PDB file of N, CA and C in Angstrom:
ATOM      1  N   MET A   1      11.584  -8.572  67.221  1.00  0.00           N
ATOM      2  CA  MET A   1      11.024  -9.631  66.418  1.00  0.00           C
ATOM      3  C   MET A   1      10.380  -9.072  65.141  1.00  0.00           C
ATOM      4  N   VAL A   2       9.673  -7.946  65.279  1.00  0.00           N
ATOM      5  CA  VAL A   2       9.038  -7.311  64.126  1.00  0.00           C
ATOM      6  C   VAL A   2      10.102  -6.830  63.138  1.00  0.00           C
ATOM      7  N   ALA A   3      11.181  -6.284  63.651  1.00  0.00           N
ATOM      8  CA  ALA A   3      12.255  -5.810  62.775  1.00  0.00           C
ATOM      9  C   ALA A   3      12.888  -6.971  62.011  1.00  0.00           C
ATOM     10  N   LEU A   4      13.080  -8.082  62.677  1.00  0.00           N
ATOM     11  CA  LEU A   4      13.657  -9.250  62.030  1.00  0.00           C
ATOM     12  C   LEU A   4      12.724  -9.805  60.952  1.00  0.00           C
ATOM     13  N   ALA A   5      11.443  -9.864  61.246  1.00  0.00           N
ATOM     14  CA  ALA A   5      10.459 -10.345  60.269  1.00  0.00           C
ATOM     15  C   ALA A   5      10.377  -9.389  59.082  1.00  0.00           C
ATOM     16  N   SER A   6      10.414  -8.103  59.350  1.00  0.00           N
ATOM     17  CA  SER A   6      10.373  -7.107  58.276  1.00  0.00           C
ATOM     18  C   SER A   6      11.605  -7.222  57.389  1.00  0.00           C
ATOM     19  N   THR A   7      12.759  -7.403  58.004  1.00  0.00           N
ATOM     20  CA  THR A   7      13.998  -7.566  57.254  1.00  0.00           C
ATOM     21  C   THR A   7      13.937  -8.808  56.373  1.00  0.00           C
ATOM     22  N   LEU A   8      13.401  -9.890  56.902  1.00  0.00           N
ATOM     23  CA  LEU A   8      13.267 -11.123  56.133  1.00  0.00           C
ATOM     24  C   LEU A   8      12.337 -10.930  54.932  1.00  0.00           C
ATOM     25  N   VAL A   9      11.198 -10.263  55.144  1.00  0.00           N
ATOM     26  CA  VAL A   9      10.250 -10.022  54.055  1.00  0.00           C
ATOM     27  C   VAL A   9      10.880  -9.128  52.987  1.00  0.00           C
ATOM     28  N   VAL A  10      11.542  -8.067  53.412  1.00  0.00           N
ATOM     29  CA  VAL A  10      12.169  -7.144  52.464  1.00  0.00           C
ATOM     30  C   VAL A  10      13.270  -7.851  51.677  1.00  0.00           C
ATOM     31  N   SER A  11      14.092  -8.639  52.348  1.00  0.00           N
ATOM     32  CA  SER A  11      15.169  -9.324  51.627  1.00  0.00           C
ATOM     33  C   SER A  11      14.602 -10.349  50.641  1.00  0.00           C
ATOM     34  N   ASN A  12      13.532 -11.028  51.011  1.00  0.00           N
ATOM     35  CA  ASN A  12      12.906 -11.978  50.087  1.00  0.00           C
ATOM     36  C   ASN A  12      12.304 -11.265  48.877  1.00  0.00           C
ATOM     37  N   LEU A  13      11.678 -10.121  49.100  1.00  0.00           N
ATOM     38  CA  LEU A  13      11.148  -9.338  47.988  1.00  0.00           C
ATOM     39  C   LEU A  13      12.266  -8.862  47.074  1.00  0.00           C
ATOM     40  N   TRP A  14      13.376  -8.440  47.678  1.00  0.00           N
ATOM     41  CA  TRP A  14      14.512  -7.988  46.880  1.00  0.00           C
ATOM     42  C   TRP A  14      15.054  -9.133  46.042  1.00  0.00           C
ATOM     43  N   TRP A  15      15.210 -10.327  46.598  1.00  0.00           N
ATOM     44  CA  TRP A  15      15.705 -11.485  45.835  1.00  0.00           C
ATOM     45  C   TRP A  15      14.711 -11.893  44.743  1.00  0.00           C
ATOM     46  N   ALA A  16      13.425 -11.818  45.046  1.00  0.00           N
ATOM     47  CA  ALA A  16      12.413 -12.162  44.040  1.00  0.00           C
ATOM     48  C   ALA A  16      12.477 -11.181  42.862  1.00  0.00           C
ATOM     49  N   TYR A  17      12.629  -9.898  43.176  1.00  0.00           N
ATOM     50  CA  TYR A  17      12.761  -8.900  42.122  1.00  0.00           C
ATOM     51  C   TYR A  17      14.000  -9.163  41.275  1.00  0.00           C
ATOM     52  N   ARG A  18      15.129  -9.451  41.915  1.00  0.00           N
ATOM     53  CA  ARG A  18      16.378  -9.718  41.197  1.00  0.00           C
ATOM     54  C   ARG A  18      16.245 -10.927  40.274  1.00  0.00           C
ATOM     55  N   MET A  19      15.583 -11.977  40.732  1.00  0.00           N
ATOM     56  CA  MET A  19      15.401 -13.177  39.916  1.00  0.00           C
ATOM     57  C   MET A  19      14.482 -12.885  38.722  1.00  0.00           C
ATOM     58  N   PHE A  20      13.415 -12.138  38.967  1.00  0.00           N
ATOM     59  CA  PHE A  20      12.491 -11.760  37.902  1.00  0.00           C
ATOM     60  C   PHE A  20      13.205 -10.909  36.859  1.00  0.00           C
ATOM     61  N   ASP A  21      13.969  -9.927  37.312  1.00  0.00           N
ATOM     62  CA  ASP A  21      14.713  -9.047  36.409  1.00  0.00           C
ATOM     63  C   ASP A  21      15.757  -9.838  35.622  1.00  0.00           C
ATOM     64  N   SER A  22      16.424 -10.755  36.269  1.00  0.00           N
ATOM     65  CA  SER A  22      17.415 -11.593  35.595  1.00  0.00           C
ATOM     66  C   SER A  22      16.767 -12.451  34.517  1.00  0.00           C
ATOM     67  N   GLY A  23      15.600 -12.988  34.782  1.00  0.00           N
ATOM     68  CA  GLY A  23      14.887 -13.796  33.793  1.00  0.00           C
ATOM     69  C   GLY A  23      14.499 -12.987  32.572  1.00  0.00           C
ATOM     70  N   ILE A  24      14.021 -11.778  32.785  1.00  0.00           N
ATOM     71  CA  ILE A  24      13.652 -10.903  31.666  1.00  0.00           C
ATOM     72  C   ILE A  24      14.887 -10.525  30.853  1.00  0.00           C
ATOM     73  N   THR A  25      15.971 -10.198  31.534  1.00  0.00           N
ATOM     74  CA  THR A  25      17.212  -9.838  30.848  1.00  0.00           C
ATOM     75  C   THR A  25      17.712 -10.997  29.988  1.00  0.00           C
ATOM     76  N   GLN A  26      17.674 -12.207  30.523  1.00  0.00           N
ATOM     77  CA  GLN A  26      18.128 -13.372  29.768  1.00  0.00           C
ATOM     78  C   GLN A  26      17.229 -13.631  28.558  1.00  0.00           C
ATOM     79  N   THR A  27      15.933 -13.401  28.704  1.00  0.00           N
ATOM     80  CA  THR A  27      15.006 -13.594  27.586  1.00  0.00           C
ATOM     81  C   THR A  27      15.315 -12.615  26.457  1.00  0.00           C
ATOM     82  N   TYR A  28      15.534 -11.352  26.793  1.00  0.00           N
ATOM     83  CA  TYR A  28      15.875 -10.359  25.770  1.00  0.00           C
ATOM     84  C   TYR A  28      17.233 -10.662  25.137  1.00  0.00           C
ATOM     85  N   ALA A  29      18.187 -11.097  25.929  1.00  0.00           N
ATOM     86  CA  ALA A  29      19.510 -11.434  25.395  1.00  0.00           C
ATOM     87  C   ALA A  29      19.408 -12.613  24.425  1.00  0.00           C
ATOM     88  N   ARG A  30      18.611 -13.603  24.755  1.00  0.00           N
ATOM     89  CA  ARG A  30      18.430 -14.770  23.889  1.00  0.00           C
ATOM     90  C   ARG A  30      17.768 -14.355  22.570  1.00  0.00           C
ATOM     91  N   ALA A  31      16.753 -13.501  22.648  1.00  0.00           N
ATOM     92  CA  ALA A  31      16.070 -13.030  21.444  1.00  0.00           C
ATOM     93  C   ALA A  31      17.030 -12.227  20.564  1.00  0.00           C
ATOM     94  N   SER A  32      17.850 -11.398  21.174  1.00  0.00           N
ATOM     95  CA  SER A  32      18.828 -10.613  20.426  1.00  0.00           C
ATOM     96  C   SER A  32      19.857 -11.525  19.765  1.00  0.00           C
ATOM     97  N   GLN A  33      20.290 -12.551  20.485  1.00  0.00           N
ATOM     98  CA  GLN A  33      21.259 -13.491  19.928  1.00  0.00           C
ATOM     99  C   GLN A  33      20.661 -14.253  18.747  1.00  0.00           C
ATOM    100  N   GLU A  34      19.421 -14.660  18.841  1.00  0.00           N
ATOM    101  CA  GLU A  34      18.764 -15.368  17.740  1.00  0.00           C
ATOM    102  C   GLU A  34      18.627 -14.473  16.507  1.00  0.00           C
ATOM    103  N   ALA A  35      18.250 -13.202  16.728  1.00  0.00           N
ATOM    104  CA  ALA A  35      18.117 -12.270  15.606  1.00  0.00           C
ATOM    105  C   ALA A  35      19.471 -12.015  14.948  1.00  0.00           C
ATOM    106  N   THR A  36      20.509 -11.864  15.754  1.00  0.00           N
ATOM    107  CA  THR A  36      21.851 -11.645  15.216  1.00  0.00           C
ATOM    108  C   THR A  36      22.334 -12.871  14.453  1.00  0.00           C
ATOM    109  N   SER A  37      22.058 -14.057  14.977  1.00  0.00           N
ATOM    110  CA  SER A  37      22.460 -15.297  14.296  1.00  0.00           C
ATOM    111  C   SER A  37      21.748 -15.441  12.956  1.00  0.00           C
ATOM    112  N   GLU A  38      20.470 -15.093  12.929  1.00  0.00           N
ATOM    113  CA  GLU A  38      19.708 -15.158  11.673  1.00  0.00           C
ATOM    114  C   GLU A  38      20.268 -14.186  10.651  1.00  0.00           C
ATOM    115  N   LEU A  39      20.562 -12.975  11.077  1.00  0.00           N
ATOM    116  CA  LEU A  39      21.126 -11.964  10.182  1.00  0.00           C
ATOM    117  C   LEU A  39      22.494 -12.402   9.666  1.00  0.00           C
ATOM    118  N   LEU A  40      23.306 -12.974  10.524  1.00  0.00           N
ATOM    119  CA  LEU A  40      24.620 -13.462  10.112  1.00  0.00           C
ATOM    120  C   LEU A  40      24.479 -14.603   9.107  1.00  0.00           C
ATOM    121  N   ALA A  41      23.546 -15.518   9.354  1.00  0.00           N
ATOM    122  CA  ALA A  41      23.331 -16.629   8.427  1.00  0.00           C
ATOM    123  C   ALA A  41      22.898 -16.127   7.052  1.00  0.00           C
ATOM    124  N   GLN A  42      22.027 -15.136   7.038  1.00  0.00           N
ATOM    125  CA  GLN A  42      21.596 -14.556   5.759  1.00  0.00           C
ATOM    126  C   GLN A  42      22.770 -13.904   5.043  1.00  0.00           C
ATOM    127  N   THR A  43      23.569 -13.159   5.774  1.00  0.00           N
ATOM    128  CA  THR A  43      24.711 -12.470   5.176  1.00  0.00           C
ATOM    129  C   THR A  43      25.713 -13.470   4.621  1.00  0.00           C
ATOM    130  N   LEU A  44      26.007 -14.507   5.381  1.00  0.00           N
ATOM    131  CA  LEU A  44      26.949 -15.525   4.912  1.00  0.00           C
ATOM    132  C   LEU A  44      26.396 -16.288   3.711  1.00  0.00           C
ATOM    133  N   ALA A  45      25.080 -16.433   3.642  1.00  0.00           N
ATOM    134  CA  ALA A  45      24.473 -17.146   2.513  1.00  0.00           C
ATOM    135  C   ALA A  45      24.580 -16.364   1.212  1.00  0.00           C
ATOM    136  N   ILE A  46      24.552 -15.026   1.286  1.00  0.00           N
ATOM    137  CA  ILE A  46      24.613 -14.253   0.039  1.00  0.00           C
ATOM    138  C   ILE A  46      26.044 -13.960  -0.412  1.00  0.00           C
ATOM    139  N   LEU A  47      27.020 -14.086   0.483  1.00  0.00           N
ATOM    140  CA  LEU A  47      28.399 -13.749   0.112  1.00  0.00           C
ATOM    141  C   LEU A  47      28.911 -14.496  -1.118  1.00  0.00           C
ATOM    142  N   PRO A  48      28.788 -15.827  -1.196  1.00  0.00           N
ATOM    143  CA  PRO A  48      29.295 -16.502  -2.392  1.00  0.00           C
ATOM    144  C   PRO A  48      28.529 -16.120  -3.657  1.00  0.00           C
ATOM    145  N   VAL A  49      27.274 -15.755  -3.492  1.00  0.00           N
ATOM    146  CA  VAL A  49      26.442 -15.426  -4.655  1.00  0.00           C
ATOM    147  C   VAL A  49      26.799 -14.049  -5.201  1.00  0.00           C
ATOM    148  N   VAL A  50      26.937 -13.051  -4.333  1.00  0.00           N
ATOM    149  CA  VAL A  50      27.225 -11.692  -4.817  1.00  0.00           C
ATOM    150  C   VAL A  50      28.630 -11.573  -5.388  1.00  0.00           C
ATOM    151  N   GLY A  51      29.506 -12.511  -5.064  1.00  0.00           N
ATOM    152  CA  GLY A  51      30.860 -12.492  -5.594  1.00  0.00           C
ATOM    153  C   GLY A  51      30.955 -12.966  -7.032  1.00  0.00           C
ATOM    154  N   LYS A  52      29.910 -13.574  -7.538  1.00  0.00           N
ATOM    155  CA  LYS A  52      29.926 -14.084  -8.909  1.00  0.00           C
ATOM    156  C   LYS A  52      29.605 -12.966  -9.903  1.00  0.00           C
ATOM    157  N   ALA A  53      30.191 -13.063 -11.081  1.00  0.00           N
ATOM    158  CA  ALA A  53      29.891 -12.101 -12.138  1.00  0.00           C
ATOM    159  C   ALA A  53      28.557 -12.461 -12.788  1.00  0.00           C
ATOM    160  N   GLY A  54      27.771 -11.455 -13.087  1.00  0.00           N
ATOM    161  CA  GLY A  54      26.518 -11.654 -13.803  1.00  0.00           C
ATOM    162  C   GLY A  54      25.397 -12.272 -12.981  1.00  0.00           C
ATOM    163  N   VAL A  55      25.497 -12.209 -11.675  1.00  0.00           N
ATOM    164  CA  VAL A  55      24.446 -12.768 -10.830  1.00  0.00           C
ATOM    165  C   VAL A  55      23.211 -11.864 -10.881  1.00  0.00           C
ATOM    166  N   THR A  56      22.040 -12.457 -10.844  1.00  0.00           N
ATOM    167  CA  THR A  56      20.806 -11.680 -10.944  1.00  0.00           C
ATOM    168  C   THR A  56      20.270 -11.325  -9.563  1.00  0.00           C
ATOM    169  N   ARG A  57      19.390 -10.362  -9.571  1.00  0.00           N
ATOM    170  CA  ARG A  57      18.734  -9.921  -8.342  1.00  0.00           C
ATOM    171  C   ARG A  57      17.975 -11.078  -7.696  1.00  0.00           C
ATOM    172  N   ASN A  58      17.262 -11.865  -8.485  1.00  0.00           N
ATOM    173  CA  ASN A  58      16.489 -12.985  -7.947  1.00  0.00           C
ATOM    174  C   ASN A  58      17.381 -14.038  -7.304  1.00  0.00           C
ATOM    175  N   GLU A  59      18.567 -14.269  -7.855  1.00  0.00           N
ATOM    176  CA  GLU A  59      19.495 -15.239  -7.274  1.00  0.00           C
ATOM    177  C   GLU A  59      19.973 -14.778  -5.902  1.00  0.00           C
ATOM    178  N   ILE A  60      20.237 -13.494  -5.764  1.00  0.00           N
ATOM    179  CA  ILE A  60      20.695 -12.958  -4.481  1.00  0.00           C
ATOM    180  C   ILE A  60      19.578 -13.024  -3.446  1.00  0.00           C
ATOM    181  N   VAL A  61      18.380 -12.627  -3.834  1.00  0.00           N
ATOM    182  CA  VAL A  61      17.240 -12.678  -2.913  1.00  0.00           C
ATOM    183  C   VAL A  61      16.967 -14.129  -2.503  1.00  0.00           C
ATOM    184  N   SER A  62      17.050 -15.048  -3.441  1.00  0.00           N
ATOM    185  CA  SER A  62      16.840 -16.464  -3.118  1.00  0.00           C
ATOM    186  C   SER A  62      17.893 -16.969  -2.143  1.00  0.00           C
ATOM    187  N   ALA A  63      19.130 -16.550  -2.320  1.00  0.00           N
ATOM    188  CA  ALA A  63      20.202 -16.960  -1.408  1.00  0.00           C
ATOM    189  C   ALA A  63      19.964 -16.414  -0.007  1.00  0.00           C
ATOM    190  N   ALA A  64      19.459 -15.188   0.084  1.00  0.00           N
ATOM    191  CA  ALA A  64      19.181 -14.599   1.396  1.00  0.00           C
ATOM    192  C   ALA A  64      18.020 -15.300   2.090  1.00  0.00           C
ATOM    193  N   ARG A  65      17.121 -15.882   1.322  1.00  0.00           N
ATOM    194  CA  ARG A  65      15.961 -16.565   1.908  1.00  0.00           C
ATOM    195  C   ARG A  65      16.302 -17.947   2.444  1.00  0.00           C
ATOM    196  N   VAL A  66      17.401 -18.546   2.031  1.00  0.00           N
ATOM    197  CA  VAL A  66      17.721 -19.916   2.448  1.00  0.00           C
ATOM    198  C   VAL A  66      17.645 -20.085   3.962  1.00  0.00           C
ATOM    199  N   PRO A  67      18.327 -19.266   4.753  1.00  0.00           N
ATOM    200  CA  PRO A  67      18.237 -19.469   6.200  1.00  0.00           C
ATOM    201  C   PRO A  67      16.933 -18.934   6.806  1.00  0.00           C
ATOM    202  N   ASN A  68      16.178 -18.168   6.042  1.00  0.00           N
ATOM    203  CA  ASN A  68      14.996 -17.511   6.603  1.00  0.00           C
ATOM    204  C   ASN A  68      13.810 -17.681   5.674  1.00  0.00           C
ATOM    205  N   ASP A  69      13.331 -18.878   5.501  1.00  0.00           N
ATOM    206  CA  ASP A  69      12.228 -19.133   4.579  1.00  0.00           C
ATOM    207  C   ASP A  69      10.866 -18.720   5.129  1.00  0.00           C
ATOM    208  N   LYS A  70      10.786 -18.233   6.362  1.00  0.00           N
ATOM    209  CA  LYS A  70       9.501 -17.893   6.969  1.00  0.00           C
ATOM    210  C   LYS A  70       8.861 -16.630   6.390  1.00  0.00           C
ATOM    211  N   THR A  71       9.660 -15.729   5.872  1.00  0.00           N
ATOM    212  CA  THR A  71       9.110 -14.450   5.432  1.00  0.00           C
ATOM    213  C   THR A  71       9.234 -14.277   3.926  1.00  0.00           C
ATOM    214  N   GLU A  72       8.336 -13.514   3.391  1.00  0.00           N
ATOM    215  CA  GLU A  72       8.376 -13.161   1.975  1.00  0.00           C
ATOM    216  C   GLU A  72       9.160 -11.864   1.822  1.00  0.00           C
ATOM    217  N   PRO A  73      10.030 -11.766   0.833  1.00  0.00           N
ATOM    218  CA  PRO A  73      10.739 -10.507   0.583  1.00  0.00           C
ATOM    219  C   PRO A  73       9.757  -9.407   0.170  1.00  0.00           C
ATOM    220  N   TYR A  74      10.070  -8.194   0.557  1.00  0.00           N
ATOM    221  CA  TYR A  74       9.249  -7.054   0.151  1.00  0.00           C
ATOM    222  C   TYR A  74      10.163  -5.857  -0.088  1.00  0.00           C
ATOM    223  N   GLU A  75       9.673  -4.891  -0.867  1.00  0.00           N
ATOM    224  CA  GLU A  75      10.453  -3.696  -1.180  1.00  0.00           C
ATOM    225  C   GLU A  75       9.947  -2.518  -0.373  1.00  0.00           C
ATOM    226  N   LYS A  76      10.894  -1.785   0.193  1.00  0.00           N
ATOM    227  CA  LYS A  76      10.554  -0.592   0.959  1.00  0.00           C
ATOM    228  C   LYS A  76      11.787   0.310   1.007  1.00  0.00           C
ATOM    229  N   GLU A  77      11.591   1.584   0.727  1.00  0.00           N
ATOM    230  CA  GLU A  77      12.629   2.607   0.814  1.00  0.00           C
ATOM    231  C   GLU A  77      13.873   2.257  -0.003  1.00  0.00           C
ATOM    232  N   GLY A  78      13.670   1.664  -1.175  1.00  0.00           N
ATOM    233  CA  GLY A  78      14.784   1.370  -2.066  1.00  0.00           C
ATOM    234  C   GLY A  78      15.527   0.074  -1.762  1.00  0.00           C
ATOM    235  N   TYR A  79      15.050  -0.688  -0.805  1.00  0.00           N
ATOM    236  CA  TYR A  79      15.696  -1.942  -0.431  1.00  0.00           C
ATOM    237  C   TYR A  79      14.715  -3.093  -0.591  1.00  0.00           C
ATOM    238  N   VAL A  80      15.257  -4.255  -0.900  1.00  0.00           N
ATOM    239  CA  VAL A  80      14.477  -5.487  -0.868  1.00  0.00           C
ATOM    240  C   VAL A  80      14.781  -6.108   0.495  1.00  0.00           C
ATOM    241  N   TRP A  81      13.744  -6.237   1.334  1.00  0.00           N
ATOM    242  CA  TRP A  81      13.920  -6.740   2.690  1.00  0.00           C
ATOM    243  C   TRP A  81      13.609  -8.224   2.734  1.00  0.00           C
ATOM    244  N   VAL A  82      14.572  -8.986   3.201  1.00  0.00           N
ATOM    245  CA  VAL A  82      14.422 -10.420   3.415  1.00  0.00           C
ATOM    246  C   VAL A  82      14.727 -10.629   4.892  1.00  0.00           C
ATOM    247  N   GLY A  83      13.680 -10.824   5.683  1.00  0.00           N
ATOM    248  CA  GLY A  83      13.890 -10.878   7.128  1.00  0.00           C
ATOM    249  C   GLY A  83      14.376  -9.514   7.591  1.00  0.00           C
ATOM    250  N   GLN A  84      15.520  -9.499   8.265  1.00  0.00           N
ATOM    251  CA  GLN A  84      16.088  -8.250   8.762  1.00  0.00           C
ATOM    252  C   GLN A  84      17.214  -7.727   7.877  1.00  0.00           C
ATOM    253  N   LEU A  85      17.418  -8.352   6.748  1.00  0.00           N
ATOM    254  CA  LEU A  85      18.489  -7.957   5.838  1.00  0.00           C
ATOM    255  C   LEU A  85      17.913  -7.146   4.686  1.00  0.00           C
ATOM    256  N   GLY A  86      18.417  -5.928   4.510  1.00  0.00           N
ATOM    257  CA  GLY A  86      18.002  -5.063   3.413  1.00  0.00           C
ATOM    258  C   GLY A  86      19.021  -5.115   2.288  1.00  0.00           C
ATOM    259  N   LEU A  87      18.565  -5.447   1.097  1.00  0.00           N
ATOM    260  CA  LEU A  87      19.451  -5.555  -0.066  1.00  0.00           C
ATOM    261  C   LEU A  87      19.147  -4.422  -1.029  1.00  0.00           C
ATOM    262  N   LYS A  88      20.168  -3.676  -1.399  1.00  0.00           N
ATOM    263  CA  LYS A  88      19.983  -2.551  -2.322  1.00  0.00           C
ATOM    264  C   LYS A  88      20.555  -2.940  -3.684  1.00  0.00           C
ATOM    265  N   PHE A  89      19.762  -2.665  -4.716  1.00  0.00           N
ATOM    266  CA  PHE A  89      20.157  -2.950  -6.095  1.00  0.00           C
ATOM    267  C   PHE A  89      20.083  -1.666  -6.899  1.00  0.00           C
ATOM    268  N   ASN A  90      20.954  -1.545  -7.904  1.00  0.00           N
ATOM    269  CA  ASN A  90      20.890  -0.376  -8.778  1.00  0.00           C
ATOM    270  C   ASN A  90      19.780  -0.604  -9.816  1.00  0.00           C
ATOM    271  N   PRO A  91      19.469   0.405 -10.643  1.00  0.00           N
ATOM    272  CA  PRO A  91      18.389   0.245 -11.624  1.00  0.00           C
ATOM    273  C   PRO A  91      18.598  -0.907 -12.617  1.00  0.00           C
ATOM    274  N   ARG A  92      19.837  -1.326 -12.830  1.00  0.00           N
ATOM    275  CA  ARG A  92      20.109  -2.463 -13.724  1.00  0.00           C
ATOM    276  C   ARG A  92      19.966  -3.805 -12.998  1.00  0.00           C
ATOM    277  N   GLY A  93      19.621  -3.776 -11.709  1.00  0.00           N
ATOM    278  CA  GLY A  93      19.436  -5.009 -10.950  1.00  0.00           C
ATOM    279  C   GLY A  93      20.710  -5.574 -10.365  1.00  0.00           C
ATOM    280  N   GLN A  94      21.777  -4.784 -10.363  1.00  0.00           N
ATOM    281  CA  GLN A  94      23.044  -5.233  -9.799  1.00  0.00           C
ATOM    282  C   GLN A  94      23.097  -4.899  -8.310  1.00  0.00           C
ATOM    283  N   PHE A  95      23.650  -5.791  -7.537  1.00  0.00           N
ATOM    284  CA  PHE A  95      23.754  -5.626  -6.087  1.00  0.00           C
ATOM    285  C   PHE A  95      24.676  -4.466  -5.746  1.00  0.00           C
ATOM    286  N   GLU A  96      24.232  -3.613  -4.806  1.00  0.00           N
ATOM    287  CA  GLU A  96      25.057  -2.500  -4.350  1.00  0.00           C
ATOM    288  C   GLU A  96      25.518  -2.679  -2.914  1.00  0.00           C
ATOM    289  N   LYS A  97      24.567  -2.955  -2.002  1.00  0.00           N
ATOM    290  CA  LYS A  97      24.956  -3.116  -0.605  1.00  0.00           C
ATOM    291  C   LYS A  97      23.851  -3.815   0.180  1.00  0.00           C
ATOM    292  N   ALA A  98      24.215  -4.229   1.391  1.00  0.00           N
ATOM    293  CA  ALA A  98      23.273  -4.862   2.309  1.00  0.00           C
ATOM    294  C   ALA A  98      23.364  -4.137   3.646  1.00  0.00           C
ATOM    295  N   ILE A  99      22.220  -3.975   4.292  1.00  0.00           N
ATOM    296  CA  ILE A  99      22.188  -3.345   5.613  1.00  0.00           C
ATOM    297  C   ILE A  99      21.313  -4.174   6.540  1.00  0.00           C
ATOM    298  N   ALA A 100      21.521  -3.965   7.834  1.00  0.00           N
ATOM    299  CA  ALA A 100      20.671  -4.588   8.844  1.00  0.00           C
ATOM    300  C   ALA A 100      19.452  -3.713   9.042  1.00  0.00           C
ATOM    301  N   GLY A 101      18.313  -4.350   9.242  1.00  0.00           N
ATOM    302  CA  GLY A 101      17.068  -3.627   9.410  1.00  0.00           C
ATOM    303  C   GLY A 101      16.936  -2.996  10.782  1.00  0.00           C
ATOM    304  N   PRO A 102      15.896  -2.189  10.957  1.00  0.00           N
ATOM    305  CA  PRO A 102      15.690  -1.515  12.233  1.00  0.00           C
ATOM    306  C   PRO A 102      15.417  -2.478  13.380  1.00  0.00           C
ATOM    307  N   GLU A 103      14.916  -3.686  13.085  1.00  0.00           N
ATOM    308  CA  GLU A 103      14.663  -4.655  14.134  1.00  0.00           C
ATOM    309  C   GLU A 103      15.927  -5.399  14.533  1.00  0.00           C
ATOM    310  N   ALA A 104      16.944  -5.318  13.690  1.00  0.00           N
ATOM    311  CA  ALA A 104      18.179  -6.042  13.963  1.00  0.00           C
ATOM    312  C   ALA A 104      18.906  -5.393  15.138  1.00  0.00           C
ATOM    313  N   PRO A 105      19.586  -6.179  15.943  1.00  0.00           N
ATOM    314  CA  PRO A 105      20.274  -5.622  17.102  1.00  0.00           C
ATOM    315  C   PRO A 105      21.506  -4.804  16.759  1.00  0.00           C
ATOM    316  N   THR A 106      22.057  -4.974  15.556  1.00  0.00           N
ATOM    317  CA  THR A 106      23.230  -4.212  15.157  1.00  0.00           C
ATOM    318  C   THR A 106      22.991  -3.562  13.811  1.00  0.00           C
ATOM    319  N   GLN A 107      23.695  -2.514  13.523  1.00  0.00           N
ATOM    320  CA  GLN A 107      23.586  -1.830  12.220  1.00  0.00           C
ATOM    321  C   GLN A 107      24.843  -1.980  11.446  1.00  0.00           C
TER     322      GLN A 107
END
């Protein structure tokens, strides 16, 4: 009887752990998906703008902010960061490249 009760307690603890772990995994996956979706939206928003001739730095930064109006752009390490999207400009203010930030799930 003691062995059966012990087995029941252990199996219930194991299932509780599995459910808890599954919940945490799903939460992290959802957060990663949201961050990736935001980064994709920002990238898609700047594509039509950077394709134009004579576009200014401010126009590109403004386009990147459309899907992510919560944060203010800032400059760090040669990039203008808008959310998780890093925009690099040459000294004349022309767009060179975009990268995903360290918080982004992909590079």
